[in-house]
């Protein structure tokens, strides 16, 4: 018996159609067109691919977007200058600085320079703090997308055992907080977790975000579990996740594929955050 595939691409496309309607209504009612500014520094191929996808998604949804591509040698001062410009621009409601940045630029300093009201990536310490204490905030897009997938799939998290493999500020920590908010019992694992498989096999819901190809294998998964694979790794010109799909599919109850699972939802929730930021300007 094979696991049910969780179609992030299909779910994301439907949500984007709904967003396009929201954008049209907002423009008709107020004249406001949601605006997203993206700053891309350097030549990282994956970053350029992601940004092109975000541009296309904005265009389809009716969101105004502008992308500024800067050379890798751009100074930290110049990057902060662009952020300040976006903060002051009334037609820009959301700011996205594509990570990673070149080594000579302090990512934390750049993130902290973004107006929290335009921080549609949800990385600013103010928004992170609001998430921690359970207040309304812009949610980081990948964790937000994961929670939306679970919601659409009808996964009731109340009282369930959830295990998160990975403790990054971008995915691991925030998704753990969001799962906790939905009354799951949450365990966070990482590279120093003793007997990782013994922990992951307790999970009714398993989220894997470690950035290591096929790190979690089928024998580490509880039969019938919901498996959310956040990883995107290129191995021999093929994209694979952090979960060994062939083995996991035989054990899990449902699973996100790579590609076509979490990735499309990340972009969708970025658009959702941008629209919400524009709506707050009414």
C-alpha atoms as a PDB file:
ATOM      1  CA  UNK A   1       0.000   0.000   0.000  1.00  0.00           C
ATOM      2  CA  UNK A   2       1.442   3.351  -1.046  1.00  0.00           C
ATOM      3  CA  UNK A   3       1.060   6.576   0.880  1.00  0.00           C
ATOM      4  CA  UNK A   4      -1.299   9.269  -0.361  1.00  0.00           C
ATOM      5  CA  UNK A   5       0.610  12.071  -2.085  1.00  0.00           C
ATOM      6  CA  UNK A   6      -0.016  15.522  -0.655  1.00  0.00           C
ATOM      7  CA  UNK A   7      -0.261  17.701  -3.762  1.00  0.00           C
ATOM      8  CA  UNK A   8       1.335  20.974  -2.713  1.00  0.00           C
ATOM      9  CA  UNK A   9       1.381  22.212  -6.291  1.00  0.00           C
ATOM     10  CA  UNK A  10      -2.345  21.651  -6.757  1.00  0.00           C
ATOM     11  CA  UNK A  11      -3.277  23.098  -3.373  1.00  0.00           C
ATOM     12  CA  UNK A  12      -1.000  26.074  -3.943  1.00  0.00           C
ATOM     13  CA  UNK A  13      -2.512  26.771  -7.365  1.00  0.00           C
ATOM     14  CA  UNK A  14      -6.034  26.823  -5.926  1.00  0.00           C
ATOM     15  CA  UNK A  15      -4.975  29.155  -3.118  1.00  0.00           C
ATOM     16  CA  UNK A  16      -3.318  31.462  -5.663  1.00  0.00           C
ATOM     17  CA  UNK A  17      -6.562  31.646  -7.657  1.00  0.00           C
ATOM     18  CA  UNK A  18      -8.340  32.703  -4.477  1.00  0.00           C
ATOM     19  CA  UNK A  19      -5.600  35.256  -3.821  1.00  0.00           C
ATOM     20  CA  UNK A  20      -5.982  36.707  -7.309  1.00  0.00           C
ATOM     21  CA  UNK A  21      -9.664  37.311  -6.535  1.00  0.00           C
ATOM     22  CA  UNK A  22      -8.722  39.005  -3.243  1.00  0.00           C
ATOM     23  CA  UNK A  23      -6.234  41.228  -5.079  1.00  0.00           C
ATOM     24  CA  UNK A  24      -8.852  42.220  -7.664  1.00  0.00           C
ATOM     25  CA  UNK A  25     -11.398  43.061  -4.953  1.00  0.00           C
ATOM     26  CA  UNK A  26      -8.841  45.111  -3.003  1.00  0.00           C
ATOM     27  CA  UNK A  27      -7.889  47.082  -6.103  1.00  0.00           C
ATOM     28  CA  UNK A  28     -11.546  47.699  -7.028  1.00  0.00           C
ATOM     29  CA  UNK A  29     -12.493  48.765  -3.505  1.00  0.00           C
ATOM     30  CA  UNK A  30      -9.460  50.855  -2.499  1.00  0.00           C
ATOM     31  CA  UNK A  31      -7.265  51.318  -5.567  1.00  0.00           C
ATOM     32  CA  UNK A  32      -4.450  49.564  -3.687  1.00  0.00           C
ATOM     33  CA  UNK A  33      -2.344  47.031  -5.598  1.00  0.00           C
ATOM     34  CA  UNK A  34      -0.239  44.814  -3.294  1.00  0.00           C
ATOM     35  CA  UNK A  35       3.438  45.416  -3.959  1.00  0.00           C
ATOM     36  CA  UNK A  36       6.429  43.151  -3.310  1.00  0.00           C
ATOM     37  CA  UNK A  37      10.070  44.239  -3.584  1.00  0.00           C
ATOM     38  CA  UNK A  38      12.712  41.537  -3.896  1.00  0.00           C
ATOM     39  CA  UNK A  39      16.426  42.089  -3.410  1.00  0.00           C
ATOM     40  CA  UNK A  40      18.745  39.438  -4.810  1.00  0.00           C
ATOM     41  CA  UNK A  41      22.485  39.747  -4.168  1.00  0.00           C
ATOM     42  CA  UNK A  42      24.973  37.456  -5.883  1.00  0.00           C
ATOM     43  CA  UNK A  43      24.797  34.603  -8.360  1.00  0.00           C
ATOM     44  CA  UNK A  44      23.470  31.664  -6.344  1.00  0.00           C
ATOM     45  CA  UNK A  45      21.638  29.554  -8.989  1.00  0.00           C
ATOM     46  CA  UNK A  46      18.947  28.294  -6.622  1.00  0.00           C
ATOM     47  CA  UNK A  47      18.199  31.827  -5.442  1.00  0.00           C
ATOM     48  CA  UNK A  48      17.824  33.063  -9.019  1.00  0.00           C
ATOM     49  CA  UNK A  49      15.442  30.187  -9.781  1.00  0.00           C
ATOM     50  CA  UNK A  50      13.332  30.910  -6.703  1.00  0.00           C
ATOM     51  CA  UNK A  51      13.134  34.614  -7.515  1.00  0.00           C
ATOM     52  CA  UNK A  52      12.013  33.955 -11.096  1.00  0.00           C
ATOM     53  CA  UNK A  53       9.272  31.681  -9.753  1.00  0.00           C
ATOM     54  CA  UNK A  54       8.171  34.403  -7.328  1.00  0.00           C
ATOM     55  CA  UNK A  55       8.047  36.957 -10.154  1.00  0.00           C
ATOM     56  CA  UNK A  56       5.800  34.707 -12.243  1.00  0.00           C
ATOM     57  CA  UNK A  57       3.551  33.948  -9.268  1.00  0.00           C
ATOM     58  CA  UNK A  58       3.138  37.652  -8.483  1.00  0.00           C
ATOM     59  CA  UNK A  59       2.233  38.421 -12.095  1.00  0.00           C
ATOM     60  CA  UNK A  60      -0.439  35.705 -12.174  1.00  0.00           C
ATOM     61  CA  UNK A  61      -1.959  36.902  -8.910  1.00  0.00           C
ATOM     62  CA  UNK A  62      -2.044  40.558  -9.984  1.00  0.00           C
ATOM     63  CA  UNK A  63       0.575  41.602  -7.433  1.00  0.00           C
ATOM     64  CA  UNK A  64       3.002  44.363  -8.380  1.00  0.00           C
ATOM     65  CA  UNK A  65       6.590  43.169  -8.022  1.00  0.00           C
ATOM     66  CA  UNK A  66       9.988  44.609  -8.631  1.00  0.00           C
ATOM     67  CA  UNK A  67      13.217  42.628  -8.437  1.00  0.00           C
ATOM     68  CA  UNK A  68      16.597  44.230  -7.954  1.00  0.00           C
ATOM     69  CA  UNK A  69      19.499  41.938  -8.816  1.00  0.00           C
ATOM     70  CA  UNK A  70      22.815  43.153  -7.396  1.00  0.00           C
ATOM     71  CA  UNK A  71      26.345  41.780  -7.912  1.00  0.00           C
ATOM     72  CA  UNK A  72      27.929  39.657  -5.183  1.00  0.00           C
ATOM     73  CA  UNK A  73      30.432  42.393  -4.336  1.00  0.00           C
ATOM     74  CA  UNK A  74      27.646  44.836  -3.352  1.00  0.00           C
ATOM     75  CA  UNK A  75      28.469  46.346   0.045  1.00  0.00           C
ATOM     76  CA  UNK A  76      26.412  45.819   3.172  1.00  0.00           C
ATOM     77  CA  UNK A  77      25.833  49.573   3.270  1.00  0.00           C
ATOM     78  CA  UNK A  78      24.304  49.520  -0.214  1.00  0.00           C
ATOM     79  CA  UNK A  79      22.043  46.587   0.661  1.00  0.00           C
ATOM     80  CA  UNK A  80      20.828  48.429   3.764  1.00  0.00           C
ATOM     81  CA  UNK A  81      20.234  51.466   1.566  1.00  0.00           C
ATOM     82  CA  UNK A  82      17.942  49.453  -0.706  1.00  0.00           C
ATOM     83  CA  UNK A  83      16.030  48.156   2.331  1.00  0.00           C
ATOM     84  CA  UNK A  84      15.582  51.697   3.620  1.00  0.00           C
ATOM     85  CA  UNK A  85      14.294  52.760   0.192  1.00  0.00           C
ATOM     86  CA  UNK A  86      11.719  49.965   0.198  1.00  0.00           C
ATOM     87  CA  UNK A  87      10.668  50.802   3.762  1.00  0.00           C
ATOM     88  CA  UNK A  88       9.787  54.339   2.631  1.00  0.00           C
ATOM     89  CA  UNK A  89       8.096  53.386  -0.666  1.00  0.00           C
ATOM     90  CA  UNK A  90       4.306  53.511  -0.263  1.00  0.00           C
ATOM     91  CA  UNK A  91       3.676  51.222  -3.246  1.00  0.00           C
ATOM     92  CA  UNK A  92       5.761  48.467  -1.606  1.00  0.00           C
ATOM     93  CA  UNK A  93       3.879  46.489   1.047  1.00  0.00           C
ATOM     94  CA  UNK A  94       6.246  43.528   1.346  1.00  0.00           C
ATOM     95  CA  UNK A  95      10.035  43.262   1.307  1.00  0.00           C
ATOM     96  CA  UNK A  96      11.933  40.070   0.575  1.00  0.00           C
ATOM     97  CA  UNK A  97      15.719  39.916   0.804  1.00  0.00           C
ATOM     98  CA  UNK A  98      16.618  36.588  -0.792  1.00  0.00           C
ATOM     99  CA  UNK A  99      18.852  34.445   1.402  1.00  0.00           C
ATOM    100  CA  UNK A 100      21.638  33.441   1.565  1.00  0.00           C
ATOM    101  CA  UNK A 101      23.541  36.698   1.254  1.00  0.00           C
ATOM    102  CA  UNK A 102      27.264  36.882   0.444  1.00  0.00           C
ATOM    103  CA  UNK A 103      29.515  36.233   3.448  1.00  0.00           C
ATOM    104  CA  UNK A 104      30.564  39.862   3.878  1.00  0.00           C
ATOM    105  CA  UNK A 105      26.959  40.947   4.537  1.00  0.00           C
ATOM    106  CA  UNK A 106      25.434  40.404   7.990  1.00  0.00           C
ATOM    107  CA  UNK A 107      22.085  38.691   7.328  1.00  0.00           C
ATOM    108  CA  UNK A 108      20.739  39.506  10.787  1.00  0.00           C
ATOM    109  CA  UNK A 109      21.561  43.184  10.360  1.00  0.00           C
ATOM    110  CA  UNK A 110      19.722  43.278   7.026  1.00  0.00           C
ATOM    111  CA  UNK A 111      16.663  41.423   8.356  1.00  0.00           C
ATOM    112  CA  UNK A 112      16.462  43.738  11.373  1.00  0.00           C
ATOM    113  CA  UNK A 113      16.526  46.766   9.037  1.00  0.00           C
ATOM    114  CA  UNK A 114      13.270  45.700   7.353  1.00  0.00           C
ATOM    115  CA  UNK A 115      10.141  47.446   8.609  1.00  0.00           C
ATOM    116  CA  UNK A 116       8.333  44.689  10.589  1.00  0.00           C
ATOM    117  CA  UNK A 117       5.070  45.789   8.911  1.00  0.00           C
ATOM    118  CA  UNK A 118       6.644  44.873   5.537  1.00  0.00           C
ATOM    119  CA  UNK A 119       8.475  41.753   6.713  1.00  0.00           C
ATOM    120  CA  UNK A 120       6.471  39.274   4.619  1.00  0.00           C
ATOM    121  CA  UNK A 121       9.159  36.601   5.137  1.00  0.00           C
ATOM    122  CA  UNK A 122       8.395  36.672   8.875  1.00  0.00           C
ATOM    123  CA  UNK A 123      12.075  36.716   9.878  1.00  0.00           C
ATOM    124  CA  UNK A 124      12.280  40.045  11.760  1.00  0.00           C
ATOM    125  CA  UNK A 125      12.864  39.563  15.517  1.00  0.00           C
ATOM    126  CA  UNK A 126       9.636  41.428  16.272  1.00  0.00           C
ATOM    127  CA  UNK A 127       7.573  39.053  14.131  1.00  0.00           C
ATOM    128  CA  UNK A 128       9.513  36.054  15.477  1.00  0.00           C
ATOM    129  CA  UNK A 129       8.771  37.249  19.012  1.00  0.00           C
ATOM    130  CA  UNK A 130       5.088  37.686  18.241  1.00  0.00           C
ATOM    131  CA  UNK A 131       4.990  34.130  16.900  1.00  0.00           C
ATOM    132  CA  UNK A 132       6.668  32.876  20.076  1.00  0.00           C
ATOM    133  CA  UNK A 133       4.104  34.462  22.416  1.00  0.00           C
ATOM    134  CA  UNK A 134       1.149  33.583  20.173  1.00  0.00           C
ATOM    135  CA  UNK A 135       0.299  37.057  18.851  1.00  0.00           C
ATOM    136  CA  UNK A 136      -0.692  37.801  15.259  1.00  0.00           C
ATOM    137  CA  UNK A 137       2.364  38.187  13.047  1.00  0.00           C
ATOM    138  CA  UNK A 138       3.654  37.496   9.564  1.00  0.00           C
ATOM    139  CA  UNK A 139       4.486  33.807   9.632  1.00  0.00           C
ATOM    140  CA  UNK A 140       7.627  32.476   7.932  1.00  0.00           C
ATOM    141  CA  UNK A 141       6.442  31.264   4.552  1.00  0.00           C
ATOM    142  CA  UNK A 142       7.574  27.634   4.602  1.00  0.00           C
ATOM    143  CA  UNK A 143       6.158  26.835   8.074  1.00  0.00           C
ATOM    144  CA  UNK A 144       2.976  28.738   7.117  1.00  0.00           C
ATOM    145  CA  UNK A 145       2.731  26.631   3.960  1.00  0.00           C
ATOM    146  CA  UNK A 146       3.234  23.403   5.917  1.00  0.00           C
ATOM    147  CA  UNK A 147       0.420  24.299   8.299  1.00  0.00           C
ATOM    148  CA  UNK A 148      -1.864  25.172   5.380  1.00  0.00           C
ATOM    149  CA  UNK A 149      -1.135  21.797   3.761  1.00  0.00           C
ATOM    150  CA  UNK A 150      -2.046  20.006   6.993  1.00  0.00           C
ATOM    151  CA  UNK A 151      -5.221  22.101   7.270  1.00  0.00           C
ATOM    152  CA  UNK A 152      -6.337  21.384   3.697  1.00  0.00           C
ATOM    153  CA  UNK A 153      -5.569  17.680   4.152  1.00  0.00           C
ATOM    154  CA  UNK A 154      -7.783  17.647   7.241  1.00  0.00           C
ATOM    155  CA  UNK A 155      -5.032  16.571   9.640  1.00  0.00           C
ATOM    156  CA  UNK A 156      -6.282  17.058  13.211  1.00  0.00           C
ATOM    157  CA  UNK A 157      -3.178  17.914  15.256  1.00  0.00           C
ATOM    158  CA  UNK A 158      -4.857  18.062  18.632  1.00  0.00           C
ATOM    159  CA  UNK A 159      -3.167  15.577  20.956  1.00  0.00           C
ATOM    160  CA  UNK A 160      -0.983  14.135  18.166  1.00  0.00           C
ATOM    161  CA  UNK A 161       2.734  13.449  18.459  1.00  0.00           C
ATOM    162  CA  UNK A 162       4.640  15.754  16.086  1.00  0.00           C
ATOM    163  CA  UNK A 163       8.368  15.434  15.488  1.00  0.00           C
ATOM    164  CA  UNK A 164      10.396  18.125  13.712  1.00  0.00           C
ATOM    165  CA  UNK A 165      13.825  17.133  12.409  1.00  0.00           C
ATOM    166  CA  UNK A 166      15.799  20.371  12.073  1.00  0.00           C
ATOM    167  CA  UNK A 167      16.080  23.446  14.284  1.00  0.00           C
ATOM    168  CA  UNK A 168      16.650  26.361  11.914  1.00  0.00           C
ATOM    169  CA  UNK A 169      15.131  29.779  12.520  1.00  0.00           C
ATOM    170  CA  UNK A 170      13.568  29.595   9.046  1.00  0.00           C
ATOM    171  CA  UNK A 171      11.721  26.254   9.317  1.00  0.00           C
ATOM    172  CA  UNK A 172      12.405  24.022  12.314  1.00  0.00           C
ATOM    173  CA  UNK A 173      11.760  26.347  15.239  1.00  0.00           C
ATOM    174  CA  UNK A 174       8.780  28.250  13.798  1.00  0.00           C
ATOM    175  CA  UNK A 175       6.975  25.136  12.515  1.00  0.00           C
ATOM    176  CA  UNK A 176       7.395  23.563  15.964  1.00  0.00           C
ATOM    177  CA  UNK A 177       5.719  26.609  17.523  1.00  0.00           C
ATOM    178  CA  UNK A 178       2.868  26.484  14.992  1.00  0.00           C
ATOM    179  CA  UNK A 179       2.312  22.770  15.634  1.00  0.00           C
ATOM    180  CA  UNK A 180       2.273  23.485  19.356  1.00  0.00           C
ATOM    181  CA  UNK A 181      -0.280  26.243  18.755  1.00  0.00           C
ATOM    182  CA  UNK A 182      -2.550  23.567  17.240  1.00  0.00           C
ATOM    183  CA  UNK A 183      -2.219  21.473  20.424  1.00  0.00           C
ATOM    184  CA  UNK A 184       0.213  18.869  19.110  1.00  0.00           C
ATOM    185  CA  UNK A 185       2.859  17.462  21.444  1.00  0.00           C
ATOM    186  CA  UNK A 186       6.083  18.524  19.753  1.00  0.00           C
ATOM    187  CA  UNK A 187       9.618  17.117  19.806  1.00  0.00           C
ATOM    188  CA  UNK A 188      12.476  18.873  18.000  1.00  0.00           C
ATOM    189  CA  UNK A 189      15.380  16.711  16.822  1.00  0.00           C
ATOM    190  CA  UNK A 190      18.748  17.666  15.388  1.00  0.00           C
ATOM    191  CA  UNK A 191      22.192  16.329  14.498  1.00  0.00           C
ATOM    192  CA  UNK A 192      23.020  15.505  18.107  1.00  0.00           C
ATOM    193  CA  UNK A 193      19.784  13.658  18.877  1.00  0.00           C
ATOM    194  CA  UNK A 194      20.612  10.201  20.237  1.00  0.00           C
ATOM    195  CA  UNK A 195      18.906   7.352  18.342  1.00  0.00           C
ATOM    196  CA  UNK A 196      17.022   9.647  15.987  1.00  0.00           C
ATOM    197  CA  UNK A 197      14.970   6.796  14.521  1.00  0.00           C
ATOM    198  CA  UNK A 198      13.552   5.898  17.921  1.00  0.00           C
ATOM    199  CA  UNK A 199      12.195   9.444  18.190  1.00  0.00           C
ATOM    200  CA  UNK A 200      10.907   9.809  14.630  1.00  0.00           C
ATOM    201  CA  UNK A 201       9.031   6.501  14.901  1.00  0.00           C
ATOM    202  CA  UNK A 202       6.828   8.083  17.594  1.00  0.00           C
ATOM    203  CA  UNK A 203       5.587  10.760  15.184  1.00  0.00           C
ATOM    204  CA  UNK A 204       2.027  10.915  13.944  1.00  0.00           C
ATOM    205  CA  UNK A 205       3.222  13.958  11.993  1.00  0.00           C
ATOM    206  CA  UNK A 206       6.874  14.092  10.902  1.00  0.00           C
ATOM    207  CA  UNK A 207       8.409  17.272   9.471  1.00  0.00           C
ATOM    208  CA  UNK A 208      11.928  16.874   8.059  1.00  0.00           C
ATOM    209  CA  UNK A 209      14.012  19.976   7.318  1.00  0.00           C
ATOM    210  CA  UNK A 210      17.709  19.198   7.682  1.00  0.00           C
ATOM    211  CA  UNK A 211      19.111  19.855   4.219  1.00  0.00           C
ATOM    212  CA  UNK A 212      20.579  16.363   3.866  1.00  0.00           C
ATOM    213  CA  UNK A 213      19.448  14.197   0.948  1.00  0.00           C
ATOM    214  CA  UNK A 214      17.349  11.160   1.920  1.00  0.00           C
ATOM    215  CA  UNK A 215      18.397  11.540   5.559  1.00  0.00           C
ATOM    216  CA  UNK A 216      15.229   9.968   6.975  1.00  0.00           C
ATOM    217  CA  UNK A 217      14.572   6.446   5.696  1.00  0.00           C
ATOM    218  CA  UNK A 218      11.437   4.322   5.647  1.00  0.00           C
ATOM    219  CA  UNK A 219      12.400   2.343   8.759  1.00  0.00           C
ATOM    220  CA  UNK A 220      12.468   5.618  10.742  1.00  0.00           C
ATOM    221  CA  UNK A 221       8.787   6.344  10.076  1.00  0.00           C
ATOM    222  CA  UNK A 222       5.744   5.259  12.068  1.00  0.00           C
ATOM    223  CA  UNK A 223       3.246   3.321   9.915  1.00  0.00           C
ATOM    224  CA  UNK A 224       0.458   5.632   8.778  1.00  0.00           C
ATOM    225  CA  UNK A 225       2.295   8.853   9.704  1.00  0.00           C
ATOM    226  CA  UNK A 226       1.906  12.134   7.851  1.00  0.00           C
ATOM    227  CA  UNK A 227       5.352  12.984   6.447  1.00  0.00           C
ATOM    228  CA  UNK A 228       6.228  16.539   5.388  1.00  0.00           C
ATOM    229  CA  UNK A 229       9.520  16.672   3.482  1.00  0.00           C
ATOM    230  CA  UNK A 230      10.912  20.203   3.339  1.00  0.00           C
ATOM    231  CA  UNK A 231      14.256  19.332   1.767  1.00  0.00           C
ATOM    232  CA  UNK A 232      15.270  20.102  -1.806  1.00  0.00           C
ATOM    233  CA  UNK A 233      18.628  18.577  -2.715  1.00  0.00           C
ATOM    234  CA  UNK A 234      20.201  18.063  -6.113  1.00  0.00           C
ATOM    235  CA  UNK A 235      21.791  14.618  -6.454  1.00  0.00           C
ATOM    236  CA  UNK A 236      23.065  13.460  -9.869  1.00  0.00           C
ATOM    237  CA  UNK A 237      20.938  16.064 -11.674  1.00  0.00           C
ATOM    238  CA  UNK A 238      17.842  14.908  -9.812  1.00  0.00           C
ATOM    239  CA  UNK A 239      15.928  16.695  -7.050  1.00  0.00           C
ATOM    240  CA  UNK A 240      15.401  14.644  -3.907  1.00  0.00           C
ATOM    241  CA  UNK A 241      14.094  15.495  -0.474  1.00  0.00           C
ATOM    242  CA  UNK A 242      15.428  14.988   3.032  1.00  0.00           C
ATOM    243  CA  UNK A 243      13.264  11.841   3.187  1.00  0.00           C
ATOM    244  CA  UNK A 244      14.126   8.681   1.222  1.00  0.00           C
ATOM    245  CA  UNK A 245      10.880   8.695  -0.735  1.00  0.00           C
ATOM    246  CA  UNK A 246      10.756   5.144  -2.073  1.00  0.00           C
ATOM    247  CA  UNK A 247      11.049   3.611   1.379  1.00  0.00           C
ATOM    248  CA  UNK A 248       8.916   6.209   3.130  1.00  0.00           C
ATOM    249  CA  UNK A 249       6.056   5.902   0.657  1.00  0.00           C
ATOM    250  CA  UNK A 250       5.583   2.257   1.638  1.00  0.00           C
ATOM    251  CA  UNK A 251       5.145   3.117   5.321  1.00  0.00           C
ATOM    252  CA  UNK A 252       3.605   6.572   5.614  1.00  0.00           C
ATOM    253  CA  UNK A 253      -0.099   7.298   5.421  1.00  0.00           C
ATOM    254  CA  UNK A 254       0.515  10.460   3.405  1.00  0.00           C
ATOM    255  CA  UNK A 255       3.633  12.252   2.201  1.00  0.00           C
ATOM    256  CA  UNK A 256       4.715  15.364   0.314  1.00  0.00           C
ATOM    257  CA  UNK A 257       6.690  14.705  -2.882  1.00  0.00           C
ATOM    258  CA  UNK A 258       9.853  16.547  -3.906  1.00  0.00           C
ATOM    259  CA  UNK A 259       9.404  18.547  -6.020  1.00  0.00           C
ATOM    260  CA  UNK A 260       5.732  19.524  -5.914  1.00  0.00           C
ATOM    261  CA  UNK A 261       5.116  19.385  -2.179  1.00  0.00           C
ATOM    262  CA  UNK A 262       6.175  22.105   0.238  1.00  0.00           C
ATOM    263  CA  UNK A 263       7.990  24.310  -2.310  1.00  0.00           C
ATOM    264  CA  UNK A 264       4.925  25.703  -4.131  1.00  0.00           C
ATOM    265  CA  UNK A 265       3.283  26.432  -0.783  1.00  0.00           C
ATOM    266  CA  UNK A 266       6.218  28.575   0.352  1.00  0.00           C
ATOM    267  CA  UNK A 267       5.728  30.941  -2.584  1.00  0.00           C
ATOM    268  CA  UNK A 268       1.948  30.897  -2.135  1.00  0.00           C
ATOM    269  CA  UNK A 269       2.202  32.016   1.488  1.00  0.00           C
ATOM    270  CA  UNK A 270       4.659  34.760   0.533  1.00  0.00           C
ATOM    271  CA  UNK A 271       1.943  36.123  -1.757  1.00  0.00           C
ATOM    272  CA  UNK A 272      -0.639  35.706   1.021  1.00  0.00           C
ATOM    273  CA  UNK A 273       1.514  37.713   3.439  1.00  0.00           C
ATOM    274  CA  UNK A 274       2.018  40.451   0.840  1.00  0.00           C
ATOM    275  CA  UNK A 275      -1.721  40.764   0.243  1.00  0.00           C
ATOM    276  CA  UNK A 276      -2.383  40.898   3.995  1.00  0.00           C
ATOM    277  CA  UNK A 277       0.215  43.665   4.328  1.00  0.00           C
ATOM    278  CA  UNK A 278      -1.543  45.660   1.598  1.00  0.00           C
ATOM    279  CA  UNK A 279      -4.949  45.108   3.227  1.00  0.00           C
ATOM    280  CA  UNK A 280      -3.641  46.658   6.445  1.00  0.00           C
ATOM    281  CA  UNK A 281      -2.946  49.891   4.541  1.00  0.00           C
ATOM    282  CA  UNK A 282      -6.675  50.564   4.013  1.00  0.00           C
END
